[in-house]
N, C-alpha and C. Protein backbone atom coordinates (compact mmCIF):
# COMPACT_ATOMS: atom_id res chain seq x y z
N MET A 1 58.65 16.47 3.24
CA MET A 1 58.14 15.61 2.94
C MET A 1 56.62 15.88 1.93
N ASN A 2 57.05 15.36 0.77
CA ASN A 2 55.94 15.31 -0.60
C ASN A 2 54.79 14.60 -0.07
N LEU A 3 53.70 14.61 -0.73
CA LEU A 3 52.19 13.80 -0.50
C LEU A 3 53.18 12.24 -1.12
N LEU A 4 54.13 11.88 -1.69
CA LEU A 4 54.11 10.29 -2.21
C LEU A 4 54.76 9.99 -1.01
N GLN A 5 55.88 10.33 -0.45
CA GLN A 5 56.77 10.00 0.55
C GLN A 5 55.61 9.83 1.85
N LYS A 6 54.80 11.17 1.94
CA LYS A 6 54.20 10.71 3.12
C LYS A 6 52.71 9.44 3.02
N GLN A 7 52.65 9.41 1.95
CA GLN A 7 51.51 8.09 1.66
C GLN A 7 52.62 6.70 1.96
N GLU A 8 53.87 6.77 1.47
CA GLU A 8 54.51 5.41 1.65
C GLU A 8 55.23 5.56 2.99
N LEU A 9 55.40 6.17 3.65
CA LEU A 9 55.33 5.94 4.95
C LEU A 9 54.47 5.78 6.22
N GLU A 10 53.24 6.20 5.38
CA GLU A 10 51.96 5.35 6.04
C GLU A 10 51.40 3.60 5.65
N ALA A 11 52.07 3.49 4.56
CA ALA A 11 52.05 2.40 4.03
C ALA A 11 53.18 1.11 4.98
N LYS A 12 54.24 1.86 5.12
CA LYS A 12 54.85 1.25 5.78
C LYS A 12 54.55 0.98 7.65
N LYS A 13 53.82 1.82 7.86
CA LYS A 13 53.65 1.71 9.02
C LYS A 13 52.17 0.66 9.01
N LEU A 14 51.67 0.80 8.11
CA LEU A 14 50.56 -0.11 8.21
C LEU A 14 50.46 -1.47 7.97
N SER A 15 52.03 -1.61 7.29
CA SER A 15 52.62 -2.83 7.26
C SER A 15 53.67 -3.88 7.90
N THR A 16 53.51 -2.94 9.08
CA THR A 16 54.26 -3.46 10.27
C THR A 16 53.27 -4.53 11.33
N GLY A 17 53.97 -5.95 11.92
CA GLY A 17 53.47 -6.58 12.76
C GLY A 17 53.09 -7.87 12.12
N THR A 18 52.79 -8.79 12.78
CA THR A 18 52.02 -9.93 12.11
C THR A 18 53.29 -11.14 12.60
N THR A 19 52.85 -12.55 12.81
CA THR A 19 53.70 -13.77 12.85
C THR A 19 52.86 -14.61 11.90
N THR A 20 53.09 -15.23 10.69
CA THR A 20 52.36 -16.22 10.23
C THR A 20 53.79 -17.47 10.32
N LEU A 21 52.93 -18.43 9.66
CA LEU A 21 53.71 -19.69 9.72
C LEU A 21 53.06 -20.76 8.87
N GLY A 22 54.16 -21.52 8.07
CA GLY A 22 53.52 -22.90 7.24
C GLY A 22 54.75 -24.23 7.94
N LEU A 23 53.79 -25.29 8.24
CA LEU A 23 54.62 -26.34 8.36
C LEU A 23 54.46 -27.74 7.32
N ILE A 24 55.58 -28.46 6.87
CA ILE A 24 55.01 -29.60 6.39
C ILE A 24 55.41 -30.50 7.28
N CYS A 25 54.14 -31.64 7.39
CA CYS A 25 54.86 -32.45 8.43
C CYS A 25 53.98 -34.17 7.70
N LYS A 26 54.09 -34.89 8.33
CA LYS A 26 53.93 -36.40 7.90
C LYS A 26 52.88 -36.42 6.87
N ASP A 27 51.71 -35.93 6.78
CA ASP A 27 50.55 -36.20 5.92
C ASP A 27 49.57 -34.87 6.04
N CYS A 28 50.00 -33.87 6.17
CA CYS A 28 49.65 -32.48 6.02
C CYS A 28 50.04 -31.33 5.91
N THR A 29 49.34 -30.25 6.27
CA THR A 29 50.33 -29.17 5.78
C THR A 29 49.31 -28.06 6.71
N ILE A 30 50.29 -27.49 8.17
CA ILE A 30 49.80 -26.57 8.90
C ILE A 30 50.18 -25.06 8.62
N LEU A 31 48.97 -24.37 8.55
CA LEU A 31 49.02 -22.75 8.73
C LEU A 31 48.57 -22.41 9.59
N ALA A 32 49.40 -21.41 10.57
CA ALA A 32 49.45 -20.79 11.52
C ALA A 32 49.40 -19.05 11.72
N ALA A 33 49.23 -18.50 12.37
CA ALA A 33 49.22 -16.82 12.53
C ALA A 33 48.89 -16.42 13.84
N ASP A 34 49.04 -15.46 14.30
CA ASP A 34 48.22 -14.96 15.30
C ASP A 34 47.11 -13.79 15.05
N MET A 35 46.43 -13.00 15.95
CA MET A 35 45.31 -12.30 15.43
C MET A 35 45.28 -10.81 15.82
N GLN A 36 46.32 -10.53 16.12
CA GLN A 36 46.52 -8.97 16.57
C GLN A 36 46.85 -8.03 15.16
N ALA A 37 45.82 -6.93 15.11
CA ALA A 37 45.90 -5.82 13.78
C ALA A 37 46.52 -4.35 14.68
N THR A 38 47.73 -4.20 13.80
CA THR A 38 48.01 -3.19 14.15
C THR A 38 48.38 -2.17 13.21
N MET A 39 48.57 -0.99 13.76
CA MET A 39 48.22 0.38 13.41
C MET A 39 49.60 1.26 13.34
N GLY A 40 51.11 1.21 13.03
CA GLY A 40 51.48 1.81 13.79
C GLY A 40 52.30 1.22 15.16
N ASN A 41 52.29 1.92 15.89
CA ASN A 41 52.45 1.23 17.38
C ASN A 41 50.94 0.70 18.10
N ILE A 42 50.13 1.00 17.22
CA ILE A 42 49.07 0.76 18.61
C ILE A 42 48.00 -0.76 17.88
N ALA A 43 47.88 -1.29 19.21
CA ALA A 43 47.11 -2.56 18.61
C ALA A 43 45.79 -2.54 18.20
N SER A 44 45.26 -2.51 16.84
CA SER A 44 43.83 -1.70 16.37
C SER A 44 42.94 -2.88 16.60
N GLY A 45 43.65 -4.11 17.15
CA GLY A 45 42.21 -5.47 16.68
C GLY A 45 42.83 -6.44 17.42
N LYS A 46 42.02 -7.39 17.85
CA LYS A 46 42.65 -8.74 18.60
C LYS A 46 41.81 -10.07 17.97
N GLU A 47 40.88 -10.11 17.24
CA GLU A 47 40.75 -11.15 16.33
C GLU A 47 40.42 -10.90 14.93
N LEU A 48 41.78 -10.80 14.47
CA LEU A 48 41.43 -10.46 13.13
C LEU A 48 42.47 -11.85 12.51
N ASP A 49 41.47 -12.28 11.34
CA ASP A 49 41.97 -13.60 10.76
C ASP A 49 43.29 -13.20 9.89
N LYS A 50 43.98 -14.06 9.40
CA LYS A 50 45.31 -13.70 8.91
C LYS A 50 45.52 -15.34 7.94
N ILE A 51 44.57 -15.92 7.92
CA ILE A 51 44.32 -17.02 7.49
C ILE A 51 42.92 -17.58 6.53
N PHE A 52 43.47 -17.86 5.27
CA PHE A 52 42.59 -17.78 4.22
C PHE A 52 42.35 -18.86 3.15
N LYS A 53 40.83 -19.11 2.91
CA LYS A 53 40.67 -20.87 2.20
C LYS A 53 40.58 -20.17 1.28
N ILE A 54 41.30 -20.94 0.10
CA ILE A 54 41.44 -20.62 -0.98
C ILE A 54 40.05 -21.72 -1.54
N ASN A 55 40.12 -22.84 -1.45
CA ASN A 55 39.40 -23.67 -1.97
C ASN A 55 39.62 -25.22 -0.80
N ASP A 56 39.02 -25.95 -1.27
CA ASP A 56 39.06 -27.19 0.11
C ASP A 56 40.67 -27.68 0.24
N LYS A 57 41.54 -27.46 -0.65
CA LYS A 57 42.83 -27.78 -0.72
C LYS A 57 43.96 -26.93 -0.62
N VAL A 58 43.38 -25.31 -0.47
CA VAL A 58 44.26 -24.53 -0.58
C VAL A 58 44.20 -23.62 0.67
N GLY A 59 45.25 -23.18 1.30
CA GLY A 59 45.12 -21.79 2.02
C GLY A 59 46.03 -20.86 1.96
N VAL A 60 45.91 -19.41 2.56
CA VAL A 60 46.93 -18.84 2.37
C VAL A 60 47.13 -17.50 3.90
N THR A 61 48.32 -17.55 4.08
CA THR A 61 48.79 -16.70 5.33
C THR A 61 48.55 -15.32 4.80
N VAL A 62 48.43 -14.11 5.30
CA VAL A 62 49.09 -12.66 4.93
C VAL A 62 49.50 -11.99 5.71
N ALA A 63 50.35 -11.22 5.65
CA ALA A 63 51.13 -10.49 6.74
C ALA A 63 51.41 -9.23 5.87
N GLY A 64 51.10 -8.16 6.65
CA GLY A 64 51.62 -6.45 5.97
C GLY A 64 50.08 -5.66 5.95
N THR A 65 49.83 -5.42 4.96
CA THR A 65 49.15 -3.93 4.69
C THR A 65 47.25 -4.87 4.21
N LEU A 66 46.53 -4.55 5.24
CA LEU A 66 45.64 -5.50 5.09
C LEU A 66 44.36 -5.19 4.16
N GLY A 67 44.93 -3.79 3.70
CA GLY A 67 43.81 -3.94 2.17
C GLY A 67 44.10 -4.68 1.06
N ASP A 68 45.46 -4.27 1.01
CA ASP A 68 46.37 -4.85 -0.29
C ASP A 68 46.09 -6.21 -0.08
N ALA A 69 46.31 -6.96 1.35
CA ALA A 69 45.98 -8.54 1.00
C ALA A 69 44.69 -9.35 0.86
N LEU A 70 43.94 -8.30 1.34
CA LEU A 70 42.25 -8.91 1.08
C LEU A 70 42.27 -8.96 -0.31
N THR A 71 42.71 -7.55 -1.33
CA THR A 71 42.43 -7.65 -2.18
C THR A 71 43.16 -8.71 -3.34
N VAL A 72 44.33 -9.06 -3.01
CA VAL A 72 44.67 -9.84 -3.50
C VAL A 72 44.11 -11.66 -3.08
N VAL A 73 43.83 -11.92 -2.01
CA VAL A 73 43.04 -12.77 -1.84
C VAL A 73 41.52 -13.16 -2.81
N ARG A 74 40.77 -12.13 -2.93
CA ARG A 74 39.77 -11.65 -3.69
C ARG A 74 39.97 -12.02 -4.81
N PHE A 75 41.52 -11.87 -5.43
CA PHE A 75 42.02 -12.18 -6.70
C PHE A 75 41.55 -13.45 -6.85
N ILE A 76 42.61 -14.34 -5.84
CA ILE A 76 43.04 -15.34 -6.05
C ILE A 76 41.80 -16.48 -6.03
N ARG A 77 40.72 -16.08 -4.91
CA ARG A 77 39.80 -17.09 -4.60
C ARG A 77 38.92 -16.84 -5.87
N SER A 78 38.55 -15.66 -6.91
CA SER A 78 37.77 -15.69 -8.03
C SER A 78 38.65 -16.64 -8.95
N LYS A 79 39.68 -16.82 -9.05
CA LYS A 79 40.15 -17.30 -10.03
C LYS A 79 40.26 -18.72 -9.78
N ALA A 80 40.41 -18.97 -8.68
CA ALA A 80 40.07 -20.38 -8.33
C ALA A 80 38.53 -20.93 -8.51
N LYS A 81 37.82 -20.19 -8.08
CA LYS A 81 36.33 -20.99 -8.80
C LYS A 81 36.16 -20.82 -10.24
N LEU A 82 37.12 -20.16 -10.90
CA LEU A 82 36.68 -20.14 -12.55
C LEU A 82 37.63 -21.18 -13.27
N TYR A 83 38.42 -21.67 -12.22
CA TYR A 83 39.35 -22.43 -12.46
C TYR A 83 38.63 -23.82 -12.54
N GLU A 84 37.86 -24.05 -11.20
CA GLU A 84 37.25 -25.36 -11.15
C GLU A 84 36.06 -25.21 -11.79
N ILE A 85 35.31 -24.77 -12.49
CA ILE A 85 34.40 -24.10 -13.30
C ILE A 85 34.70 -24.92 -14.75
N GLU A 86 35.81 -24.22 -15.24
CA GLU A 86 36.64 -24.66 -16.79
C GLU A 86 37.34 -25.47 -16.63
N ARG A 87 37.57 -26.44 -15.56
CA ARG A 87 38.60 -27.59 -16.09
C ARG A 87 37.93 -28.67 -14.88
N GLU A 88 36.96 -28.88 -14.24
CA GLU A 88 36.20 -29.47 -13.41
C GLU A 88 36.96 -30.02 -12.40
N THR A 89 37.98 -29.49 -12.33
CA THR A 89 38.60 -30.00 -11.15
C THR A 89 39.51 -28.79 -9.70
N PRO A 90 39.65 -28.97 -8.80
CA PRO A 90 40.26 -27.76 -8.02
C PRO A 90 41.00 -27.47 -8.25
N MET A 91 41.82 -26.01 -8.33
CA MET A 91 42.92 -25.35 -8.32
C MET A 91 44.16 -26.08 -7.34
N ASN A 92 45.41 -26.59 -8.08
CA ASN A 92 46.32 -27.20 -6.97
C ASN A 92 47.07 -26.10 -6.34
N PRO A 93 47.64 -26.29 -5.38
CA PRO A 93 48.72 -25.36 -4.95
C PRO A 93 49.46 -24.83 -5.70
N LYS A 94 50.11 -25.66 -6.37
CA LYS A 94 51.36 -25.09 -7.43
C LYS A 94 50.51 -23.70 -8.50
N ALA A 95 49.21 -24.42 -8.68
CA ALA A 95 48.61 -23.37 -9.60
C ALA A 95 47.93 -22.14 -9.35
N THR A 96 47.93 -22.61 -8.12
CA THR A 96 47.52 -21.35 -6.97
C THR A 96 49.00 -20.28 -6.75
N MET A 97 49.57 -20.92 -6.33
CA MET A 97 50.97 -20.19 -6.08
C MET A 97 51.28 -19.02 -7.86
N THR A 98 51.21 -20.12 -8.81
CA THR A 98 51.82 -19.54 -9.74
C THR A 98 50.99 -18.26 -10.10
N PHE A 99 49.66 -18.07 -10.12
CA PHE A 99 48.71 -17.30 -10.38
C PHE A 99 48.93 -16.11 -9.33
N LEU A 100 49.18 -16.22 -8.12
CA LEU A 100 49.45 -15.43 -6.72
C LEU A 100 50.81 -14.52 -7.10
N ALA A 101 51.63 -15.36 -8.01
CA ALA A 101 53.00 -14.76 -8.34
C ALA A 101 53.01 -14.12 -9.33
N ASN A 102 51.95 -14.18 -10.54
CA ASN A 102 51.34 -13.23 -11.39
C ASN A 102 51.09 -12.26 -11.32
N ILE A 103 50.19 -12.34 -10.37
CA ILE A 103 49.25 -11.10 -9.83
C ILE A 103 50.40 -9.65 -9.30
N LEU A 104 51.43 -10.81 -8.47
CA LEU A 104 52.45 -10.26 -7.63
C LEU A 104 53.12 -9.34 -8.33
N SER A 105 53.78 -9.98 -9.18
CA SER A 105 55.05 -9.73 -10.73
C SER A 105 54.25 -8.53 -11.51
N ALA A 106 53.08 -8.68 -12.00
CA ALA A 106 51.66 -7.67 -12.70
C ALA A 106 52.38 -6.18 -11.95
N ASN A 107 52.67 -6.06 -10.66
CA ASN A 107 52.16 -4.78 -9.95
C ASN A 107 53.40 -4.38 -9.29
N ARG A 108 54.84 -4.95 -10.04
CA ARG A 108 56.04 -4.86 -9.74
C ARG A 108 56.39 -3.03 -9.24
N TYR A 109 55.80 -2.45 -10.01
CA TYR A 109 56.09 -1.05 -10.02
C TYR A 109 55.26 0.04 -9.37
N PHE A 110 53.91 -0.85 -8.81
CA PHE A 110 53.47 -0.27 -7.40
C PHE A 110 52.36 -1.69 -6.59
N PRO A 111 53.60 -2.04 -6.12
CA PRO A 111 53.32 -3.34 -5.41
C PRO A 111 52.56 -3.08 -4.13
N TYR A 112 51.67 -4.62 -3.78
CA TYR A 112 50.92 -4.87 -2.91
C TYR A 112 52.29 -4.94 -1.84
N PHE A 113 51.55 -4.04 -0.47
CA PHE A 113 52.48 -4.44 0.42
C PHE A 113 51.82 -5.29 1.08
N SER A 114 52.35 -6.22 1.21
CA SER A 114 51.66 -7.62 1.54
C SER A 114 52.48 -9.00 1.28
N ALA A 115 52.61 -9.68 2.44
CA ALA A 115 53.69 -10.97 2.41
C ALA A 115 52.64 -12.29 2.50
N PHE A 116 52.87 -13.03 1.64
CA PHE A 116 52.28 -14.54 1.58
C PHE A 116 52.61 -15.75 2.19
N ILE A 117 52.04 -16.42 2.74
CA ILE A 117 52.63 -18.00 2.34
C ILE A 117 51.58 -18.83 2.27
N LEU A 118 51.52 -19.64 1.21
CA LEU A 118 50.37 -20.22 0.84
C LEU A 118 50.58 -22.04 0.77
N GLY A 119 49.81 -22.47 1.69
CA GLY A 119 49.76 -23.89 1.94
C GLY A 119 48.48 -24.74 1.54
N GLY A 120 48.96 -26.02 0.98
CA GLY A 120 48.02 -27.04 0.41
C GLY A 120 48.50 -28.39 -0.12
N TYR A 121 47.58 -29.24 -0.40
CA TYR A 121 47.52 -31.04 -0.49
C TYR A 121 47.00 -30.94 -1.92
N ASN A 122 48.12 -31.76 -2.46
CA ASN A 122 47.93 -32.17 -3.77
C ASN A 122 48.62 -33.72 -3.93
N GLY A 123 47.98 -34.45 -3.22
CA GLY A 123 48.72 -36.12 -2.92
C GLY A 123 49.77 -36.45 -2.11
N LYS A 124 50.31 -34.63 -1.59
CA LYS A 124 50.90 -34.61 -0.77
C LYS A 124 50.98 -33.06 0.02
N PRO A 125 52.01 -33.08 1.26
CA PRO A 125 51.88 -31.29 1.68
C PRO A 125 52.41 -30.54 0.41
N GLU A 126 52.62 -29.20 0.50
CA GLU A 126 53.11 -28.63 0.01
C GLU A 126 53.09 -26.98 0.53
N LEU A 127 53.93 -26.74 0.58
CA LEU A 127 53.75 -25.01 1.33
C LEU A 127 54.94 -24.27 0.37
N TYR A 128 54.55 -23.00 0.30
CA TYR A 128 55.13 -21.63 -1.05
C TYR A 128 55.34 -20.59 -0.35
N THR A 129 56.50 -19.76 -0.57
CA THR A 129 56.41 -18.49 -0.12
C THR A 129 56.71 -17.34 -1.51
N THR A 130 56.38 -16.63 -1.62
CA THR A 130 56.91 -15.29 -2.38
C THR A 130 57.15 -14.13 -2.29
N ASP A 131 57.92 -13.74 -2.40
CA ASP A 131 58.29 -12.08 -2.46
C ASP A 131 57.27 -11.21 -2.71
N VAL A 132 57.62 -9.79 -2.69
CA VAL A 132 56.67 -8.91 -3.12
C VAL A 132 56.09 -8.39 -4.46
N ILE A 133 57.05 -9.01 -5.56
CA ILE A 133 57.14 -9.14 -6.67
C ILE A 133 57.07 -9.79 -7.82
N GLY A 134 56.48 -11.14 -7.00
CA GLY A 134 56.49 -12.47 -7.70
C GLY A 134 57.60 -13.73 -7.36
N GLY A 135 58.60 -13.46 -7.01
CA GLY A 135 59.31 -14.55 -7.08
C GLY A 135 58.81 -15.81 -6.04
N PHE A 136 58.86 -16.91 -6.25
CA PHE A 136 58.14 -17.78 -5.39
C PHE A 136 59.30 -18.90 -4.92
N THR A 137 59.16 -19.40 -3.48
CA THR A 137 60.08 -20.74 -3.46
C THR A 137 59.37 -21.65 -3.14
N LYS A 138 59.24 -22.95 -3.52
CA LYS A 138 58.56 -23.93 -2.43
C LYS A 138 59.56 -24.74 -1.52
N GLU A 139 58.90 -24.77 -0.44
CA GLU A 139 59.65 -24.93 0.44
C GLU A 139 59.46 -26.33 1.06
N VAL A 140 60.53 -27.21 1.47
CA VAL A 140 60.66 -28.32 1.95
C VAL A 140 60.17 -28.58 3.40
N ASP A 141 60.25 -27.80 4.26
CA ASP A 141 59.80 -28.15 5.39
C ASP A 141 58.93 -26.76 6.43
N TYR A 142 59.50 -25.77 6.33
CA TYR A 142 58.66 -24.78 7.15
C TYR A 142 59.25 -23.18 6.64
N ALA A 143 57.79 -22.35 7.05
CA ALA A 143 58.31 -21.20 6.30
C ALA A 143 57.62 -20.10 7.50
N SER A 144 58.21 -19.03 7.91
CA SER A 144 57.57 -17.79 8.81
C SER A 144 58.12 -16.52 7.97
N ASP A 145 56.99 -15.95 8.39
CA ASP A 145 56.77 -14.26 7.67
C ASP A 145 56.43 -13.54 8.62
N GLY A 146 56.52 -11.77 8.88
CA GLY A 146 55.93 -11.08 9.52
C GLY A 146 57.01 -10.60 10.71
N SER A 147 56.80 -9.82 11.47
CA SER A 147 58.00 -9.17 12.33
C SER A 147 58.21 -10.05 13.16
N GLY A 148 57.39 -11.10 13.49
CA GLY A 148 58.00 -12.57 14.82
C GLY A 148 58.48 -13.40 14.20
N PHE A 149 59.28 -13.33 12.99
CA PHE A 149 59.86 -14.59 12.00
C PHE A 149 61.17 -15.07 12.51
N GLN A 150 61.90 -14.03 13.07
CA GLN A 150 63.15 -14.50 13.47
C GLN A 150 62.87 -15.70 14.97
N LEU A 151 61.51 -15.16 15.72
CA LEU A 151 61.58 -16.23 16.54
C LEU A 151 61.34 -17.33 16.60
N VAL A 152 60.48 -17.20 15.58
CA VAL A 152 59.72 -18.26 14.97
C VAL A 152 60.83 -19.78 14.36
N TYR A 153 61.92 -19.00 13.60
CA TYR A 153 62.49 -19.83 12.83
C TYR A 153 63.51 -20.08 13.89
N GLY A 154 63.67 -19.24 15.36
CA GLY A 154 64.74 -20.27 15.92
C GLY A 154 64.21 -21.40 16.63
N LEU A 155 63.06 -21.09 17.14
CA LEU A 155 61.80 -22.51 17.58
C LEU A 155 62.22 -23.82 16.53
N LEU A 156 61.45 -23.33 15.36
CA LEU A 156 61.59 -24.35 14.63
C LEU A 156 63.02 -24.94 14.11
N GLU A 157 63.94 -24.37 14.20
CA GLU A 157 65.42 -24.76 13.85
C GLU A 157 65.34 -26.45 14.92
N GLU A 158 64.85 -25.80 16.13
CA GLU A 158 65.40 -26.70 17.10
C GLU A 158 64.50 -28.21 16.72
N GLN A 159 63.43 -27.57 16.84
CA GLN A 159 62.13 -28.70 17.52
C GLN A 159 61.12 -29.26 16.19
N TYR A 160 61.29 -29.09 15.23
CA TYR A 160 60.98 -29.16 13.77
C TYR A 160 61.30 -30.72 13.18
N ARG A 161 60.38 -31.59 13.05
CA ARG A 161 60.85 -32.93 12.43
C ARG A 161 59.79 -33.14 11.02
N LYS A 162 60.34 -33.14 10.09
CA LYS A 162 59.12 -33.47 8.72
C LYS A 162 58.18 -34.44 9.02
N GLU A 163 58.73 -35.75 9.61
CA GLU A 163 57.82 -36.80 10.04
C GLU A 163 56.61 -36.65 11.15
N LEU A 164 56.90 -35.08 11.73
CA LEU A 164 55.92 -34.59 12.57
C LEU A 164 54.24 -35.22 11.97
N GLY A 165 53.61 -35.75 13.05
CA GLY A 165 52.21 -35.82 13.05
C GLY A 165 51.02 -34.95 13.07
N GLU A 166 50.00 -35.00 13.06
CA GLU A 166 49.31 -33.68 12.73
C GLU A 166 48.95 -33.24 14.22
N GLU A 167 48.78 -33.83 15.16
CA GLU A 167 48.80 -33.46 16.50
C GLU A 167 50.17 -32.61 17.11
N ASP A 168 51.27 -33.46 16.61
CA ASP A 168 52.27 -32.59 17.19
C ASP A 168 53.03 -31.66 16.55
N ALA A 169 52.25 -31.43 15.47
CA ALA A 169 52.98 -30.34 14.50
C ALA A 169 51.76 -28.90 14.83
N VAL A 170 50.71 -29.76 15.36
CA VAL A 170 49.77 -28.27 15.64
C VAL A 170 50.34 -27.64 16.95
N ARG A 171 50.78 -28.28 17.69
CA ARG A 171 51.18 -28.05 19.21
C ARG A 171 52.65 -27.49 18.74
N LEU A 172 53.29 -27.37 17.88
CA LEU A 172 54.62 -27.11 17.43
C LEU A 172 54.03 -25.62 17.07
N ALA A 173 52.84 -25.71 16.15
CA ALA A 173 52.83 -24.31 15.32
C ALA A 173 52.22 -23.20 16.56
N VAL A 174 51.57 -23.57 17.83
CA VAL A 174 51.28 -23.10 18.38
C VAL A 174 51.94 -22.77 19.31
N LYS A 175 53.12 -23.23 19.88
CA LYS A 175 53.76 -22.86 20.35
C LYS A 175 54.99 -21.92 20.11
N ALA A 176 55.34 -21.93 18.73
CA ALA A 176 55.99 -21.03 18.02
C ALA A 176 55.11 -19.16 17.78
N ILE A 177 53.74 -19.84 17.52
CA ILE A 177 53.39 -18.12 17.62
C ILE A 177 53.55 -17.52 18.93
N ALA A 178 52.92 -18.65 20.43
CA ALA A 178 52.83 -18.24 21.40
C ALA A 178 54.09 -17.38 21.45
N ILE A 179 55.20 -18.22 21.38
CA ILE A 179 56.54 -17.45 21.52
C ILE A 179 56.79 -16.15 20.84
N ALA A 180 56.13 -15.84 19.58
CA ALA A 180 56.59 -14.33 19.15
C ALA A 180 55.28 -13.33 19.59
N LYS A 181 54.15 -13.75 19.79
CA LYS A 181 53.45 -12.95 20.83
C LYS A 181 53.95 -12.41 22.09
N LYS A 182 54.84 -13.49 22.93
CA LYS A 182 55.34 -13.24 24.04
C LYS A 182 56.31 -12.31 23.91
N ARG A 183 57.18 -12.07 22.78
CA ARG A 183 58.18 -11.35 22.37
C ARG A 183 58.46 -10.30 21.54
N ASP A 184 57.35 -10.46 20.70
CA ASP A 184 57.52 -9.42 19.57
C ASP A 184 56.16 -8.51 20.12
N VAL A 185 56.12 -7.33 19.98
CA VAL A 185 55.28 -6.47 20.66
C VAL A 185 54.25 -6.04 19.59
N PHE A 186 54.73 -6.88 18.21
CA PHE A 186 53.70 -6.39 17.17
C PHE A 186 52.65 -7.54 16.69
N THR A 187 52.87 -8.51 17.52
CA THR A 187 52.02 -9.72 17.42
C THR A 187 51.53 -10.46 18.52
N GLY A 188 50.30 -10.48 18.95
CA GLY A 188 49.30 -10.30 19.73
C GLY A 188 48.01 -11.33 19.36
N GLY A 189 46.68 -10.81 19.92
CA GLY A 189 45.87 -10.92 19.93
C GLY A 189 45.33 -11.90 20.61
N LYS A 190 44.06 -11.94 20.56
CA LYS A 190 42.93 -13.06 21.43
C LYS A 190 43.82 -14.17 21.37
N SER A 191 44.26 -14.95 20.51
CA SER A 191 43.97 -16.69 20.49
C SER A 191 45.04 -16.54 19.35
N ILE A 192 44.89 -17.86 18.88
CA ILE A 192 46.15 -18.45 17.59
C ILE A 192 44.81 -19.07 16.80
N LYS A 193 45.49 -18.93 15.56
CA LYS A 193 44.66 -19.71 13.93
C LYS A 193 45.16 -20.90 13.60
N VAL A 194 45.02 -21.58 13.55
CA VAL A 194 45.50 -23.10 12.73
C VAL A 194 44.77 -23.51 12.03
N VAL A 195 45.15 -23.78 10.71
CA VAL A 195 44.74 -24.51 9.83
C VAL A 195 45.38 -25.58 9.63
N VAL A 196 44.79 -26.95 9.18
CA VAL A 196 45.03 -27.62 8.92
C VAL A 196 44.45 -28.62 7.19
N ILE A 197 45.53 -28.76 6.65
CA ILE A 197 45.20 -28.97 4.81
C ILE A 197 45.60 -30.28 4.27
N ASP A 198 44.70 -31.49 4.73
CA ASP A 198 45.16 -32.87 4.27
C ASP A 198 44.28 -33.31 3.09
N LYS A 199 44.27 -34.80 2.30
CA LYS A 199 43.53 -35.39 1.57
C LYS A 199 42.09 -35.62 1.81
N ALA A 200 41.94 -34.93 3.48
CA ALA A 200 40.46 -34.69 3.60
C ALA A 200 40.06 -33.40 3.56
N GLY A 201 41.02 -32.43 3.51
CA GLY A 201 40.44 -31.14 2.87
C GLY A 201 40.98 -29.99 3.86
N TYR A 202 40.36 -28.79 3.82
CA TYR A 202 40.40 -27.55 4.65
C TYR A 202 39.83 -27.28 5.98
N ARG A 203 40.91 -27.80 6.98
CA ARG A 203 39.71 -27.14 8.41
C ARG A 203 40.43 -26.62 9.38
N GLU A 204 39.84 -25.91 10.15
CA GLU A 204 40.08 -24.77 10.94
C GLU A 204 40.51 -25.75 12.62
N ILE A 205 41.49 -25.51 13.34
CA ILE A 205 41.11 -26.21 14.61
C ILE A 205 40.51 -25.40 15.52
N PRO A 206 39.84 -26.09 16.23
CA PRO A 206 38.99 -25.11 17.27
C PRO A 206 39.67 -24.35 18.43
N GLU A 207 38.92 -23.37 18.34
CA GLU A 207 39.51 -22.09 19.23
C GLU A 207 39.68 -23.01 20.87
N ALA A 208 38.77 -23.74 21.63
CA ALA A 208 38.71 -23.83 22.53
C ALA A 208 39.99 -25.13 22.45
N LYS A 209 40.31 -25.91 21.61
CA LYS A 209 41.61 -26.94 21.45
C LYS A 209 42.76 -25.77 21.35
N ILE A 210 42.58 -24.59 20.88
CA ILE A 210 43.99 -24.10 20.52
C ILE A 210 44.40 -23.64 22.14
N LYS A 211 43.22 -23.12 22.99
CA LYS A 211 43.43 -22.26 24.40
C LYS A 211 44.04 -23.34 25.02
N LYS A 212 43.55 -24.83 24.98
CA LYS A 212 44.01 -26.06 25.73
C LYS A 212 45.40 -26.31 25.44
N LEU A 213 45.90 -26.13 24.29
CA LEU A 213 46.92 -26.22 24.09
C LEU A 213 48.25 -24.76 24.35
N ILE A 214 47.41 -23.71 24.62
CA ILE A 214 48.44 -22.56 25.32
C ILE A 214 48.70 -22.85 26.69
N ASP A 215 47.61 -23.12 27.15
CA ASP A 215 47.51 -24.11 28.49
C ASP A 215 48.61 -24.87 29.13
N GLU A 216 48.49 -25.65 28.23
CA GLU A 216 49.81 -26.32 28.47
C GLU A 216 50.80 -26.12 28.27
N LEU A 217 50.99 -25.16 27.25
CA LEU A 217 52.40 -24.79 27.09
C LEU A 217 52.89 -24.04 28.66
N LYS A 218 52.05 -23.01 29.02
CA LYS A 218 52.08 -22.17 29.97
C LYS A 218 52.53 -22.97 31.30
N LYS A 219 51.93 -24.12 31.45
CA LYS A 219 52.42 -25.24 32.43
C LYS A 219 53.95 -25.60 32.37
N ASP A 220 54.82 -25.59 31.15
CA ASP A 220 55.37 -26.31 30.94
C ASP A 220 56.80 -25.45 30.93
N GLU A 221 56.75 -24.16 31.29
CA GLU A 221 57.14 -23.24 30.87
C GLU A 221 58.31 -22.97 32.52
């Protein structure tokens, strides 16, 4: 095995794990993720943030190699700040997704080993997904990525409804990630992070509320 093959193998090991999701509901977009960092078959951290604020109306989840993901997030945040200065208006979700796709496409021959779900609010909830070389899709309901995505899709196919209000959507997101944590060995962490983006802006659901929801879900099992 040559050096390049070894580097590719290590990258694949580091990009294993995580479960992230995005939901479009009645008046907002929900982003959620577990908090476990993995390195191969080792849980190397339990309080890792995998959802990042870009501006008051846009957030992004990350899965894959952490270094690559954070590099891309820094690029997006810098562009969003410059965009707002030049145009005197925040960068909207579609413009942010287009810029993210351009970054990934420009590096298609040396790709970032990361996956992104971008959510936001621009008069209505918006949700986008992308592949590693910059192709992107506007989702109309929900999306999931990471090692536990099949478990999440199984639940959402049965219980998701577009008319869900914020409270019910947050509960569903927590339930989906909790199921992935229970069955996927690469998904875990101390808690679950959930973000709501609506006309009022970007806000994180307090950890105490997440814990209460998790406890209620355990009682319902």
